[in-house]
Amino acid sequence: MARPFTRFAVTRFVNREAVLEALQKCASQLIREVPGVELRLFGSYAGGIPTPRSDVDIAVLVPDSLVASSNRIKELAESIFLQAPVPVEVFVVTRSAVARGRQTDKSLAGTIARTGIPLV
């Protein structure tokens, strides 16, 4: 597996592809353990240029029927993403909240709807 960071002179650059590969493995594991969830990457890793100080923002989209399990899903996701080579922040949101966010565009759900990219 490629190293997540590369040294050049004194500056460290993020090997975005290596980080994304590790995140996809973690995402696949979560999807196997919690069928019906969908993962979206948003923030600097999705649309910008991450720096060595960047964390990864992951949205776990759940059907409304799983909203009661959202704390358990968040804990499970956080434990799985500990394997990632960079810090990961997990947000559990319902698909219906993302659909509403797509219309209003002013909430976290709107940001996920607008900029989130499928992780797997």
PDB file of N, CA and C in Angstrom:
ATOM      1  N   MET A   1       0.847  -1.174   0.000  1.00  0.00           N
ATOM      2  CA  MET A   1       0.000   0.000   0.000  1.00  0.00           C
ATOM      3  C   MET A   1       0.889   1.232   0.000  1.00  0.00           C
ATOM      4  N   ALA A   2       0.503   2.224  -0.753  1.00  0.00           N
ATOM      5  CA  ALA A   2       1.274   3.454  -0.833  1.00  0.00           C
ATOM      6  C   ALA A   2       1.256   4.182   0.502  1.00  0.00           C
ATOM      7  N   ARG A   3       2.311   4.936   0.771  1.00  0.00           N
ATOM      8  CA  ARG A   3       2.395   5.711   2.013  1.00  0.00           C
ATOM      9  C   ARG A   3       1.477   6.926   1.911  1.00  0.00           C
ATOM     10  N   PRO A   4       0.812   7.296   3.026  1.00  0.00           N
ATOM     11  CA  PRO A   4      -0.143   8.409   2.970  1.00  0.00           C
ATOM     12  C   PRO A   4       0.512   9.781   2.842  1.00  0.00           C
ATOM     13  N   PHE A   5       1.795   9.895   3.211  1.00  0.00           N
ATOM     14  CA  PHE A   5       2.471  11.186   3.119  1.00  0.00           C
ATOM     15  C   PHE A   5       3.793  11.017   2.387  1.00  0.00           C
ATOM     16  N   THR A   6       4.200  12.046   1.696  1.00  0.00           N
ATOM     17  CA  THR A   6       5.469  12.063   0.990  1.00  0.00           C
ATOM     18  C   THR A   6       6.265  13.259   1.479  1.00  0.00           C
ATOM     19  N   ARG A   7       7.539  13.072   1.738  1.00  0.00           N
ATOM     20  CA  ARG A   7       8.388  14.179   2.173  1.00  0.00           C
ATOM     21  C   ARG A   7       9.083  14.779   0.950  1.00  0.00           C
ATOM     22  N   PHE A   8       9.042  16.079   0.881  1.00  0.00           N
ATOM     23  CA  PHE A   8       9.753  16.800  -0.158  1.00  0.00           C
ATOM     24  C   PHE A   8      10.359  18.011   0.511  1.00  0.00           C
ATOM     25  N   ALA A   9      11.692  18.045   0.582  1.00  0.00           N
ATOM     26  CA  ALA A   9      12.383  19.096   1.322  1.00  0.00           C
ATOM     27  C   ALA A   9      11.855  19.091   2.753  1.00  0.00           C
ATOM     28  N   VAL A  10      11.284  20.189   3.208  1.00  0.00           N
ATOM     29  CA  VAL A  10      10.774  20.266   4.564  1.00  0.00           C
ATOM     30  C   VAL A  10       9.262  20.123   4.592  1.00  0.00           C
ATOM     31  N   THR A  11       8.612  20.272   3.470  1.00  0.00           N
ATOM     32  CA  THR A  11       7.157  20.251   3.388  1.00  0.00           C
ATOM     33  C   THR A  11       6.659  18.824   3.218  1.00  0.00           C
ATOM     34  N   ARG A  12       5.526  18.539   3.843  1.00  0.00           N
ATOM     35  CA  ARG A  12       4.884  17.236   3.671  1.00  0.00           C
ATOM     36  C   ARG A  12       3.671  17.407   2.785  1.00  0.00           C
ATOM     37  N   PHE A  13       3.544  16.551   1.797  1.00  0.00           N
ATOM     38  CA  PHE A  13       2.399  16.556   0.907  1.00  0.00           C
ATOM     39  C   PHE A  13       1.580  15.306   1.179  1.00  0.00           C
ATOM     40  N   VAL A  14       0.289  15.425   1.049  1.00  0.00           N
ATOM     41  CA  VAL A  14      -0.602  14.300   1.272  1.00  0.00           C
ATOM     42  C   VAL A  14      -0.707  13.474  -0.004  1.00  0.00           C
ATOM     43  N   ASN A  15      -0.539  12.181   0.142  1.00  0.00           N
ATOM     44  CA  ASN A  15      -0.776  11.272  -0.975  1.00  0.00           C
ATOM     45  C   ASN A  15      -2.273  10.943  -0.937  1.00  0.00           C
ATOM     46  N   ARG A  16      -3.053  11.791  -1.584  1.00  0.00           N
ATOM     47  CA  ARG A  16      -4.516  11.698  -1.523  1.00  0.00           C
ATOM     48  C   ARG A  16      -5.011  10.328  -1.977  1.00  0.00           C
ATOM     49  N   GLU A  17      -4.404   9.771  -3.006  1.00  0.00           N
ATOM     50  CA  GLU A  17      -4.844   8.476  -3.532  1.00  0.00           C
ATOM     51  C   GLU A  17      -4.655   7.366  -2.507  1.00  0.00           C
ATOM     52  N   ALA A  18      -3.536   7.394  -1.776  1.00  0.00           N
ATOM     53  CA  ALA A  18      -3.295   6.369  -0.750  1.00  0.00           C
ATOM     54  C   ALA A  18      -4.302   6.502   0.391  1.00  0.00           C
ATOM     55  N   VAL A  19      -4.606   7.734   0.769  1.00  0.00           N
ATOM     56  CA  VAL A  19      -5.590   7.956   1.831  1.00  0.00           C
ATOM     57  C   VAL A  19      -6.963   7.472   1.368  1.00  0.00           C
ATOM     58  N   LEU A  20      -7.348   7.821   0.139  1.00  0.00           N
ATOM     59  CA  LEU A  20      -8.656   7.399  -0.379  1.00  0.00           C
ATOM     60  C   LEU A  20      -8.757   5.882  -0.464  1.00  0.00           C
ATOM     61  N   GLU A  21      -7.680   5.223  -0.837  1.00  0.00           N
ATOM     62  CA  GLU A  21      -7.682   3.755  -0.902  1.00  0.00           C
ATOM     63  C   GLU A  21      -7.947   3.157   0.482  1.00  0.00           C
ATOM     64  N   ALA A  22      -7.295   3.692   1.501  1.00  0.00           N
ATOM     65  CA  ALA A  22      -7.506   3.206   2.869  1.00  0.00           C
ATOM     66  C   ALA A  22      -8.935   3.496   3.330  1.00  0.00           C
ATOM     67  N   LEU A  23      -9.451   4.677   2.990  1.00  0.00           N
ATOM     68  CA  LEU A  23     -10.822   5.031   3.370  1.00  0.00           C
ATOM     69  C   LEU A  23     -11.836   4.111   2.697  1.00  0.00           C
ATOM     70  N   GLN A  24     -11.600   3.749   1.450  1.00  0.00           N
ATOM     71  CA  GLN A  24     -12.516   2.863   0.731  1.00  0.00           C
ATOM     72  C   GLN A  24     -12.557   1.481   1.368  1.00  0.00           C
ATOM     73  N   LYS A  25     -11.412   1.009   1.843  1.00  0.00           N
ATOM     74  CA  LYS A  25     -11.387  -0.290   2.540  1.00  0.00           C
ATOM     75  C   LYS A  25     -12.212  -0.222   3.819  1.00  0.00           C
ATOM     76  N   CYS A  26     -12.046   0.853   4.567  1.00  0.00           N
ATOM     77  CA  CYS A  26     -12.827   1.030   5.798  1.00  0.00           C
ATOM     78  C   CYS A  26     -14.319   1.127   5.481  1.00  0.00           C
ATOM     79  N   ALA A  27     -14.651   1.884   4.445  1.00  0.00           N
ATOM     80  CA  ALA A  27     -16.051   2.057   4.047  1.00  0.00           C
ATOM     81  C   ALA A  27     -16.676   0.718   3.656  1.00  0.00           C
ATOM     82  N   SER A  28     -15.936  -0.081   2.919  1.00  0.00           N
ATOM     83  CA  SER A  28     -16.449  -1.396   2.514  1.00  0.00           C
ATOM     84  C   SER A  28     -16.745  -2.263   3.729  1.00  0.00           C
ATOM     85  N   GLN A  29     -15.881  -2.186   4.728  1.00  0.00           N
ATOM     86  CA  GLN A  29     -16.100  -2.960   5.958  1.00  0.00           C
ATOM     87  C   GLN A  29     -17.369  -2.492   6.663  1.00  0.00           C
ATOM     88  N   LEU A  30     -17.570  -1.178   6.753  1.00  0.00           N
ATOM     89  CA  LEU A  30     -18.771  -0.663   7.414  1.00  0.00           C
ATOM     90  C   LEU A  30     -20.032  -1.077   6.665  1.00  0.00           C
ATOM     91  N   ILE A  31     -19.991  -1.022   5.352  1.00  0.00           N
ATOM     92  CA  ILE A  31     -21.152  -1.403   4.540  1.00  0.00           C
ATOM     93  C   ILE A  31     -21.480  -2.887   4.737  1.00  0.00           C
ATOM     94  N   ARG A  32     -20.445  -3.728   4.877  1.00  0.00           N
ATOM     95  CA  ARG A  32     -20.683  -5.151   5.146  1.00  0.00           C
ATOM     96  C   ARG A  32     -21.347  -5.347   6.505  1.00  0.00           C
ATOM     97  N   GLU A  33     -20.949  -4.551   7.482  1.00  0.00           N
ATOM     98  CA  GLU A  33     -21.468  -4.716   8.839  1.00  0.00           C
ATOM     99  C   GLU A  33     -22.821  -4.043   9.056  1.00  0.00           C
ATOM    100  N   VAL A  34     -23.106  -2.995   8.275  1.00  0.00           N
ATOM    101  CA  VAL A  34     -24.391  -2.284   8.411  1.00  0.00           C
ATOM    102  C   VAL A  34     -24.998  -2.138   7.015  1.00  0.00           C
ATOM    103  N   PRO A  35     -25.673  -3.176   6.537  1.00  0.00           N
ATOM    104  CA  PRO A  35     -26.290  -3.085   5.212  1.00  0.00           C
ATOM    105  C   PRO A  35     -27.296  -1.936   5.147  1.00  0.00           C
ATOM    106  N   GLY A  36     -27.331  -1.265   4.012  1.00  0.00           N
ATOM    107  CA  GLY A  36     -28.288  -0.187   3.814  1.00  0.00           C
ATOM    108  C   GLY A  36     -27.715   1.195   4.012  1.00  0.00           C
ATOM    109  N   VAL A  37     -26.476   1.281   4.540  1.00  0.00           N
ATOM    110  CA  VAL A  37     -25.881   2.601   4.690  1.00  0.00           C
ATOM    111  C   VAL A  37     -25.131   2.977   3.417  1.00  0.00           C
ATOM    112  N   GLU A  38     -24.940   4.256   3.251  1.00  0.00           N
ATOM    113  CA  GLU A  38     -24.205   4.798   2.108  1.00  0.00           C
ATOM    114  C   GLU A  38     -23.201   5.789   2.678  1.00  0.00           C
ATOM    115  N   LEU A  39     -21.989   5.823   2.155  1.00  0.00           N
ATOM    116  CA  LEU A  39     -20.968   6.724   2.680  1.00  0.00           C
ATOM    117  C   LEU A  39     -20.593   7.768   1.648  1.00  0.00           C
ATOM    118  N   ARG A  40     -20.508   9.013   2.117  1.00  0.00           N
ATOM    119  CA  ARG A  40     -20.109  10.132   1.258  1.00  0.00           C
ATOM    120  C   ARG A  40     -18.918  10.834   1.891  1.00  0.00           C
ATOM    121  N   LEU A  41     -17.982  11.152   1.078  1.00  0.00           N
ATOM    122  CA  LEU A  41     -16.815  11.929   1.474  1.00  0.00           C
ATOM    123  C   LEU A  41     -17.105  13.380   1.146  1.00  0.00           C
ATOM    124  N   PHE A  42     -16.860  14.288   2.092  1.00  0.00           N
ATOM    125  CA  PHE A  42     -17.040  15.707   1.808  1.00  0.00           C
ATOM    126  C   PHE A  42     -15.935  16.473   2.518  1.00  0.00           C
ATOM    127  N   GLY A  43     -15.849  17.755   2.289  1.00  0.00           N
ATOM    128  CA  GLY A  43     -14.775  18.544   2.873  1.00  0.00           C
ATOM    129  C   GLY A  43     -13.567  18.588   1.959  1.00  0.00           C
ATOM    130  N   SER A  44     -12.396  18.875   2.534  1.00  0.00           N
ATOM    131  CA  SER A  44     -11.198  19.107   1.719  1.00  0.00           C
ATOM    132  C   SER A  44     -10.751  17.880   0.932  1.00  0.00           C
ATOM    133  N   TYR A  45     -10.989  16.682   1.465  1.00  0.00           N
ATOM    134  CA  TYR A  45     -10.587  15.488   0.709  1.00  0.00           C
ATOM    135  C   TYR A  45     -11.492  15.253  -0.490  1.00  0.00           C
ATOM    136  N   ALA A  46     -12.711  15.720  -0.429  1.00  0.00           N
ATOM    137  CA  ALA A  46     -13.642  15.519  -1.546  1.00  0.00           C
ATOM    138  C   ALA A  46     -13.480  16.575  -2.620  1.00  0.00           C
ATOM    139  N   GLY A  47     -13.338  17.817  -2.227  1.00  0.00           N
ATOM    140  CA  GLY A  47     -13.374  18.866  -3.233  1.00  0.00           C
ATOM    141  C   GLY A  47     -12.189  19.781  -3.270  1.00  0.00           C
ATOM    142  N   GLY A  48     -11.300  19.652  -2.328  1.00  0.00           N
ATOM    143  CA  GLY A  48     -10.185  20.584  -2.289  1.00  0.00           C
ATOM    144  C   GLY A  48      -8.864  19.866  -2.302  1.00  0.00           C
ATOM    145  N   ILE A  49      -7.899  20.547  -1.786  1.00  0.00           N
ATOM    146  CA  ILE A  49      -6.561  19.970  -1.685  1.00  0.00           C
ATOM    147  C   ILE A  49      -6.264  19.789  -0.206  1.00  0.00           C
ATOM    148  N   PRO A  50      -6.271  18.545   0.260  1.00  0.00           N
ATOM    149  CA  PRO A  50      -6.025  18.319   1.679  1.00  0.00           C
ATOM    150  C   PRO A  50      -4.569  18.617   2.035  1.00  0.00           C
ATOM    151  N   THR A  51      -4.387  19.038   3.261  1.00  0.00           N
ATOM    152  CA  THR A  51      -3.040  19.270   3.782  1.00  0.00           C
ATOM    153  C   THR A  51      -2.759  18.211   4.838  1.00  0.00           C
ATOM    154  N   PRO A  52      -1.528  18.107   5.302  1.00  0.00           N
ATOM    155  CA  PRO A  52      -1.246  17.138   6.367  1.00  0.00           C
ATOM    156  C   PRO A  52      -2.043  17.401   7.649  1.00  0.00           C
ATOM    157  N   ARG A  53      -2.582  18.591   7.808  1.00  0.00           N
ATOM    158  CA  ARG A  53      -3.394  18.898   8.987  1.00  0.00           C
ATOM    159  C   ARG A  53      -4.884  18.650   8.759  1.00  0.00           C
ATOM    160  N   SER A  54      -5.271  18.298   7.552  1.00  0.00           N
ATOM    161  CA  SER A  54      -6.683  18.077   7.236  1.00  0.00           C
ATOM    162  C   SER A  54      -7.182  16.785   7.861  1.00  0.00           C
ATOM    163  N   ASP A  55      -8.421  16.819   8.328  1.00  0.00           N
ATOM    164  CA  ASP A  55      -9.072  15.577   8.694  1.00  0.00           C
ATOM    165  C   ASP A  55      -9.998  15.202   7.550  1.00  0.00           C
ATOM    166  N   VAL A  56     -10.541  14.021   7.641  1.00  0.00           N
ATOM    167  CA  VAL A  56     -11.453  13.522   6.619  1.00  0.00           C
ATOM    168  C   VAL A  56     -12.862  13.595   7.188  1.00  0.00           C
ATOM    169  N   ASP A  57     -13.781  14.132   6.404  1.00  0.00           N
ATOM    170  CA  ASP A  57     -15.184  14.204   6.803  1.00  0.00           C
ATOM    171  C   ASP A  57     -15.957  13.139   6.045  1.00  0.00           C
ATOM    172  N   ILE A  58     -16.583  12.243   6.793  1.00  0.00           N
ATOM    173  CA  ILE A  58     -17.355  11.143   6.219  1.00  0.00           C
ATOM    174  C   ILE A  58     -18.794  11.266   6.689  1.00  0.00           C
ATOM    175  N   ALA A  59     -19.722  11.247   5.758  1.00  0.00           N
ATOM    176  CA  ALA A  59     -21.141  11.198   6.091  1.00  0.00           C
ATOM    177  C   ALA A  59     -21.620   9.767   5.887  1.00  0.00           C
ATOM    178  N   VAL A  60     -22.256   9.230   6.909  1.00  0.00           N
ATOM    179  CA  VAL A  60     -22.886   7.916   6.805  1.00  0.00           C
ATOM    180  C   VAL A  60     -24.375   8.187   6.654  1.00  0.00           C
ATOM    181  N   LEU A  61     -24.886   7.932   5.451  1.00  0.00           N
ATOM    182  CA  LEU A  61     -26.304   8.155   5.174  1.00  0.00           C
ATOM    183  C   LEU A  61     -27.065   6.892   5.534  1.00  0.00           C
ATOM    184  N   VAL A  62     -28.068   7.063   6.391  1.00  0.00           N
ATOM    185  CA  VAL A  62     -28.859   5.922   6.843  1.00  0.00           C
ATOM    186  C   VAL A  62     -30.308   6.120   6.428  1.00  0.00           C
ATOM    187  N   PRO A  63     -31.004   5.015   6.161  1.00  0.00           N
ATOM    188  CA  PRO A  63     -32.441   5.138   5.933  1.00  0.00           C
ATOM    189  C   PRO A  63     -33.113   5.621   7.216  1.00  0.00           C
ATOM    190  N   ASP A  64     -34.240   6.281   7.082  1.00  0.00           N
ATOM    191  CA  ASP A  64     -34.958   6.768   8.259  1.00  0.00           C
ATOM    192  C   ASP A  64     -35.264   5.641   9.242  1.00  0.00           C
ATOM    193  N   SER A  65     -35.410   4.429   8.740  1.00  0.00           N
ATOM    194  CA  SER A  65     -35.723   3.292   9.607  1.00  0.00           C
ATOM    195  C   SER A  65     -34.567   2.942  10.550  1.00  0.00           C
ATOM    196  N   LEU A  66     -33.350   3.411  10.253  1.00  0.00           N
ATOM    197  CA  LEU A  66     -32.194   3.123  11.113  1.00  0.00           C
ATOM    198  C   LEU A  66     -31.809   4.292  12.014  1.00  0.00           C
ATOM    199  N   VAL A  67     -32.602   5.360  12.008  1.00  0.00           N
ATOM    200  CA  VAL A  67     -32.231   6.542  12.789  1.00  0.00           C
ATOM    201  C   VAL A  67     -32.089   6.222  14.277  1.00  0.00           C
ATOM    202  N   ALA A  68     -32.850   5.286  14.786  1.00  0.00           N
ATOM    203  CA  ALA A  68     -32.749   4.909  16.203  1.00  0.00           C
ATOM    204  C   ALA A  68     -31.395   4.271  16.513  1.00  0.00           C
ATOM    205  N   SER A  69     -30.746   3.722  15.509  1.00  0.00           N
ATOM    206  CA  SER A  69     -29.442   3.072  15.693  1.00  0.00           C
ATOM    207  C   SER A  69     -28.279   3.994  15.348  1.00  0.00           C
ATOM    208  N   SER A  70     -28.530   5.277  15.157  1.00  0.00           N
ATOM    209  CA  SER A  70     -27.483   6.167  14.644  1.00  0.00           C
ATOM    210  C   SER A  70     -26.282   6.276  15.590  1.00  0.00           C
ATOM    211  N   ASN A  71     -26.491   6.258  16.901  1.00  0.00           N
ATOM    212  CA  ASN A  71     -25.345   6.312  17.819  1.00  0.00           C
ATOM    213  C   ASN A  71     -24.479   5.070  17.701  1.00  0.00           C
ATOM    214  N   ARG A  72     -25.124   3.915  17.607  1.00  0.00           N
ATOM    215  CA  ARG A  72     -24.370   2.662  17.453  1.00  0.00           C
ATOM    216  C   ARG A  72     -23.618   2.654  16.131  1.00  0.00           C
ATOM    217  N   ILE A  73     -24.256   3.134  15.069  1.00  0.00           N
ATOM    218  CA  ILE A  73     -23.613   3.179  13.751  1.00  0.00           C
ATOM    219  C   ILE A  73     -22.422   4.140  13.781  1.00  0.00           C
ATOM    220  N   LYS A  74     -22.576   5.285  14.433  1.00  0.00           N
ATOM    221  CA  LYS A  74     -21.476   6.253  14.539  1.00  0.00           C
ATOM    222  C   LYS A  74     -20.294   5.641  15.286  1.00  0.00           C
ATOM    223  N   GLU A  75     -20.554   4.979  16.404  1.00  0.00           N
ATOM    224  CA  GLU A  75     -19.476   4.347  17.174  1.00  0.00           C
ATOM    225  C   GLU A  75     -18.769   3.269  16.362  1.00  0.00           C
ATOM    226  N   LEU A  76     -19.537   2.469  15.656  1.00  0.00           N
ATOM    227  CA  LEU A  76     -18.949   1.432  14.820  1.00  0.00           C
ATOM    228  C   LEU A  76     -18.105   2.045  13.714  1.00  0.00           C
ATOM    229  N   ALA A  77     -18.630   3.069  13.046  1.00  0.00           N
ATOM    230  CA  ALA A  77     -17.888   3.731  11.974  1.00  0.00           C
ATOM    231  C   ALA A  77     -16.595   4.338  12.501  1.00  0.00           C
ATOM    232  N   GLU A  78     -16.672   5.014  13.645  1.00  0.00           N
ATOM    233  CA  GLU A  78     -15.468   5.617  14.216  1.00  0.00           C
ATOM    234  C   GLU A  78     -14.418   4.562  14.548  1.00  0.00           C
ATOM    235  N   SER A  79     -14.846   3.417  15.048  1.00  0.00           N
ATOM    236  CA  SER A  79     -13.868   2.373  15.373  1.00  0.00           C
ATOM    237  C   SER A  79     -13.255   1.778  14.103  1.00  0.00           C
ATOM    238  N   ILE A  80     -14.042   1.614  13.068  1.00  0.00           N
ATOM    239  CA  ILE A  80     -13.508   1.086  11.805  1.00  0.00           C
ATOM    240  C   ILE A  80     -12.541   2.079  11.168  1.00  0.00           C
ATOM    241  N   PHE A  81     -12.897   3.359  11.170  1.00  0.00           N
ATOM    242  CA  PHE A  81     -12.057   4.369  10.524  1.00  0.00           C
ATOM    243  C   PHE A  81     -10.814   4.719  11.334  1.00  0.00           C
ATOM    244  N   LEU A  82     -10.633   4.120  12.510  1.00  0.00           N
ATOM    245  CA  LEU A  82      -9.369   4.274  13.231  1.00  0.00           C
ATOM    246  C   LEU A  82      -8.210   3.667  12.438  1.00  0.00           C
ATOM    247  N   GLN A  83      -8.534   2.771  11.507  1.00  0.00           N
ATOM    248  CA  GLN A  83      -7.511   2.154  10.661  1.00  0.00           C
ATOM    249  C   GLN A  83      -6.986   3.113   9.598  1.00  0.00           C
ATOM    250  N   ALA A  84      -7.686   4.209   9.368  1.00  0.00           N
ATOM    251  CA  ALA A  84      -7.293   5.167   8.339  1.00  0.00           C
ATOM    252  C   ALA A  84      -6.001   5.880   8.746  1.00  0.00           C
ATOM    253  N   PRO A  85      -5.194   6.290   7.776  1.00  0.00           N
ATOM    254  CA  PRO A  85      -3.916   6.948   8.085  1.00  0.00           C
ATOM    255  C   PRO A  85      -4.038   8.425   8.464  1.00  0.00           C
ATOM    256  N   VAL A  86      -5.256   8.944   8.479  1.00  0.00           N
ATOM    257  CA  VAL A  86      -5.504  10.347   8.844  1.00  0.00           C
ATOM    258  C   VAL A  86      -6.702  10.384   9.783  1.00  0.00           C
ATOM    259  N   PRO A  87      -6.851  11.468  10.552  1.00  0.00           N
ATOM    260  CA  PRO A  87      -8.029  11.571  11.420  1.00  0.00           C
ATOM    261  C   PRO A  87      -9.319  11.633  10.599  1.00  0.00           C
ATOM    262  N   VAL A  88     -10.354  10.982  11.096  1.00  0.00           N
ATOM    263  CA  VAL A  88     -11.642  10.929  10.404  1.00  0.00           C
ATOM    264  C   VAL A  88     -12.730  11.417  11.355  1.00  0.00           C
ATOM    265  N   GLU A  89     -13.589  12.302  10.851  1.00  0.00           N
ATOM    266  CA  GLU A  89     -14.762  12.734  11.607  1.00  0.00           C
ATOM    267  C   GLU A  89     -15.990  12.148  10.911  1.00  0.00           C
ATOM    268  N   VAL A  90     -16.821  11.462  11.683  1.00  0.00           N
ATOM    269  CA  VAL A  90     -17.985  10.762  11.141  1.00  0.00           C
ATOM    270  C   VAL A  90     -19.257  11.511  11.510  1.00  0.00           C
ATOM    271  N   PHE A  91     -20.116  11.682  10.513  1.00  0.00           N
ATOM    272  CA  PHE A  91     -21.429  12.311  10.710  1.00  0.00           C
ATOM    273  C   PHE A  91     -22.478  11.332  10.213  1.00  0.00           C
ATOM    274  N   VAL A  92     -23.433  10.981  11.060  1.00  0.00           N
ATOM    275  CA  VAL A  92     -24.525  10.095  10.649  1.00  0.00           C
ATOM    276  C   VAL A  92     -25.742  10.975  10.381  1.00  0.00           C
ATOM    277  N   VAL A  93     -26.258  10.895   9.162  1.00  0.00           N
ATOM    278  CA  VAL A  93     -27.428  11.678   8.762  1.00  0.00           C
ATOM    279  C   VAL A  93     -28.388  10.779   7.996  1.00  0.00           C
ATOM    280  N   THR A  94     -29.656  11.123   8.067  1.00  0.00           N
ATOM    281  CA  THR A  94     -30.636  10.330   7.322  1.00  0.00           C
ATOM    282  C   THR A  94     -30.643  10.761   5.856  1.00  0.00           C
ATOM    283  N   ARG A  95     -31.049   9.839   5.016  1.00  0.00           N
ATOM    284  CA  ARG A  95     -31.159  10.168   3.593  1.00  0.00           C
ATOM    285  C   ARG A  95     -32.188  11.271   3.369  1.00  0.00           C
ATOM    286  N   SER A  96     -33.264  11.252   4.166  1.00  0.00           N
ATOM    287  CA  SER A  96     -34.287  12.279   3.983  1.00  0.00           C
ATOM    288  C   SER A  96     -33.741  13.658   4.365  1.00  0.00           C
ATOM    289  N   ALA A  97     -32.867  13.737   5.374  1.00  0.00           N
ATOM    290  CA  ALA A  97     -32.255  15.026   5.738  1.00  0.00           C
ATOM    291  C   ALA A  97     -31.369  15.531   4.603  1.00  0.00           C
ATOM    292  N   VAL A  98     -30.662  14.635   3.953  1.00  0.00           N
ATOM    293  CA  VAL A  98     -29.816  15.035   2.819  1.00  0.00           C
ATOM    294  C   VAL A  98     -30.688  15.497   1.658  1.00  0.00           C
ATOM    295  N   ALA A  99     -31.801  14.819   1.442  1.00  0.00           N
ATOM    296  CA  ALA A  99     -32.726  15.241   0.377  1.00  0.00           C
ATOM    297  C   ALA A  99     -33.281  16.636   0.667  1.00  0.00           C
ATOM    298  N   ARG A 100     -33.649  16.896   1.921  1.00  0.00           N
ATOM    299  CA  ARG A 100     -34.111  18.238   2.286  1.00  0.00           C
ATOM    300  C   ARG A 100     -32.990  19.260   2.160  1.00  0.00           C
ATOM    301  N   GLY A 101     -31.774  18.858   2.550  1.00  0.00           N
ATOM    302  CA  GLY A 101     -30.620  19.742   2.452  1.00  0.00           C
ATOM    303  C   GLY A 101     -30.298  20.123   1.025  1.00  0.00           C
ATOM    304  N   ARG A 102     -30.581  19.216   0.117  1.00  0.00           N
ATOM    305  CA  ARG A 102     -30.363  19.501  -1.310  1.00  0.00           C
ATOM    306  C   ARG A 102     -31.231  20.677  -1.743  1.00  0.00           C
ATOM    307  N   GLN A 103     -32.405  20.807  -1.142  1.00  0.00           N
ATOM    308  CA  GLN A 103     -33.322  21.893  -1.489  1.00  0.00           C
ATOM    309  C   GLN A 103     -32.960  23.190  -0.781  1.00  0.00           C
ATOM    310  N   THR A 104     -32.593  23.112   0.511  1.00  0.00           N
ATOM    311  CA  THR A 104     -32.310  24.331   1.269  1.00  0.00           C
ATOM    312  C   THR A 104     -30.860  24.758   1.164  1.00  0.00           C
ATOM    313  N   ASP A 105     -29.940  23.792   1.104  1.00  0.00           N
ATOM    314  CA  ASP A 105     -28.521  24.050   0.882  1.00  0.00           C
ATOM    315  C   ASP A 105     -27.848  24.834   2.001  1.00  0.00           C
ATOM    316  N   LYS A 106     -28.455  24.938   3.205  1.00  0.00           N
ATOM    317  CA  LYS A 106     -27.880  25.769   4.254  1.00  0.00           C
ATOM    318  C   LYS A 106     -27.487  24.991   5.508  1.00  0.00           C
ATOM    319  N   SER A 107     -27.437  23.708   5.465  1.00  0.00           N
ATOM    320  CA  SER A 107     -27.139  22.918   6.640  1.00  0.00           C
ATOM    321  C   SER A 107     -26.001  21.950   6.325  1.00  0.00           C
ATOM    322  N   LEU A 108     -25.605  21.188   7.324  1.00  0.00           N
ATOM    323  CA  LEU A 108     -24.613  20.144   7.093  1.00  0.00           C
ATOM    324  C   LEU A 108     -25.124  19.179   6.026  1.00  0.00           C
ATOM    325  N   ALA A 109     -26.405  18.829   6.125  1.00  0.00           N
ATOM    326  CA  ALA A 109     -26.997  17.937   5.128  1.00  0.00           C
ATOM    327  C   ALA A 109     -26.936  18.560   3.731  1.00  0.00           C
ATOM    328  N   GLY A 110     -27.106  19.871   3.648  1.00  0.00           N
ATOM    329  CA  GLY A 110     -26.991  20.557   2.356  1.00  0.00           C
ATOM    330  C   GLY A 110     -25.589  20.491   1.806  1.00  0.00           C
ATOM    331  N   THR A 111     -24.594  20.653   2.673  1.00  0.00           N
ATOM    332  CA  THR A 111     -23.198  20.538   2.249  1.00  0.00           C
ATOM    333  C   THR A 111     -22.902  19.133   1.749  1.00  0.00           C
ATOM    334  N   ILE A 112     -23.395  18.145   2.467  1.00  0.00           N
ATOM    335  CA  ILE A 112     -23.195  16.757   2.035  1.00  0.00           C
ATOM    336  C   ILE A 112     -23.880  16.513   0.694  1.00  0.00           C
ATOM    337  N   ALA A 113     -25.096  17.008   0.545  1.00  0.00           N
ATOM    338  CA  ALA A 113     -25.835  16.837  -0.722  1.00  0.00           C
ATOM    339  C   ALA A 113     -25.118  17.520  -1.873  1.00  0.00           C
ATOM    340  N   ARG A 114     -24.579  18.700  -1.606  1.00  0.00           N
ATOM    341  CA  ARG A 114     -23.962  19.506  -2.665  1.00  0.00           C
ATOM    342  C   ARG A 114     -22.547  19.030  -3.029  1.00  0.00           C
ATOM    343  N   THR A 115     -21.739  18.664  -2.027  1.00  0.00           N
ATOM    344  CA  THR A 115     -20.329  18.392  -2.304  1.00  0.00           C
ATOM    345  C   THR A 115     -19.904  16.953  -2.055  1.00  0.00           C
ATOM    346  N   GLY A 116     -20.759  16.170  -1.401  1.00  0.00           N
ATOM    347  CA  GLY A 116     -20.366  14.808  -1.048  1.00  0.00           C
ATOM    348  C   GLY A 116     -20.220  13.903  -2.264  1.00  0.00           C
ATOM    349  N   ILE A 117     -19.192  13.075  -2.216  1.00  0.00           N
ATOM    350  CA  ILE A 117     -18.977  12.103  -3.291  1.00  0.00           C
ATOM    351  C   ILE A 117     -19.034  10.701  -2.678  1.00  0.00           C
ATOM    352  N   PRO A 118     -19.611   9.742  -3.389  1.00  0.00           N
ATOM    353  CA  PRO A 118     -19.695   8.380  -2.858  1.00  0.00           C
ATOM    354  C   PRO A 118     -18.292   7.841  -2.560  1.00  0.00           C
ATOM    355  N   LEU A 119     -18.158   7.186  -1.419  1.00  0.00           N
ATOM    356  CA  LEU A 119     -16.848   6.646  -1.031  1.00  0.00           C
ATOM    357  C   LEU A 119     -16.624   5.256  -1.595  1.00  0.00           C
ATOM    358  N   VAL A 120     -17.683   4.516  -1.787  1.00  0.00           N
ATOM    359  CA  VAL A 120     -17.563   3.165  -2.356  1.00  0.00           C
ATOM    360  C   VAL A 120     -18.551   3.037  -3.486  1.00  0.00           C
TER     361      VAL A 120
END
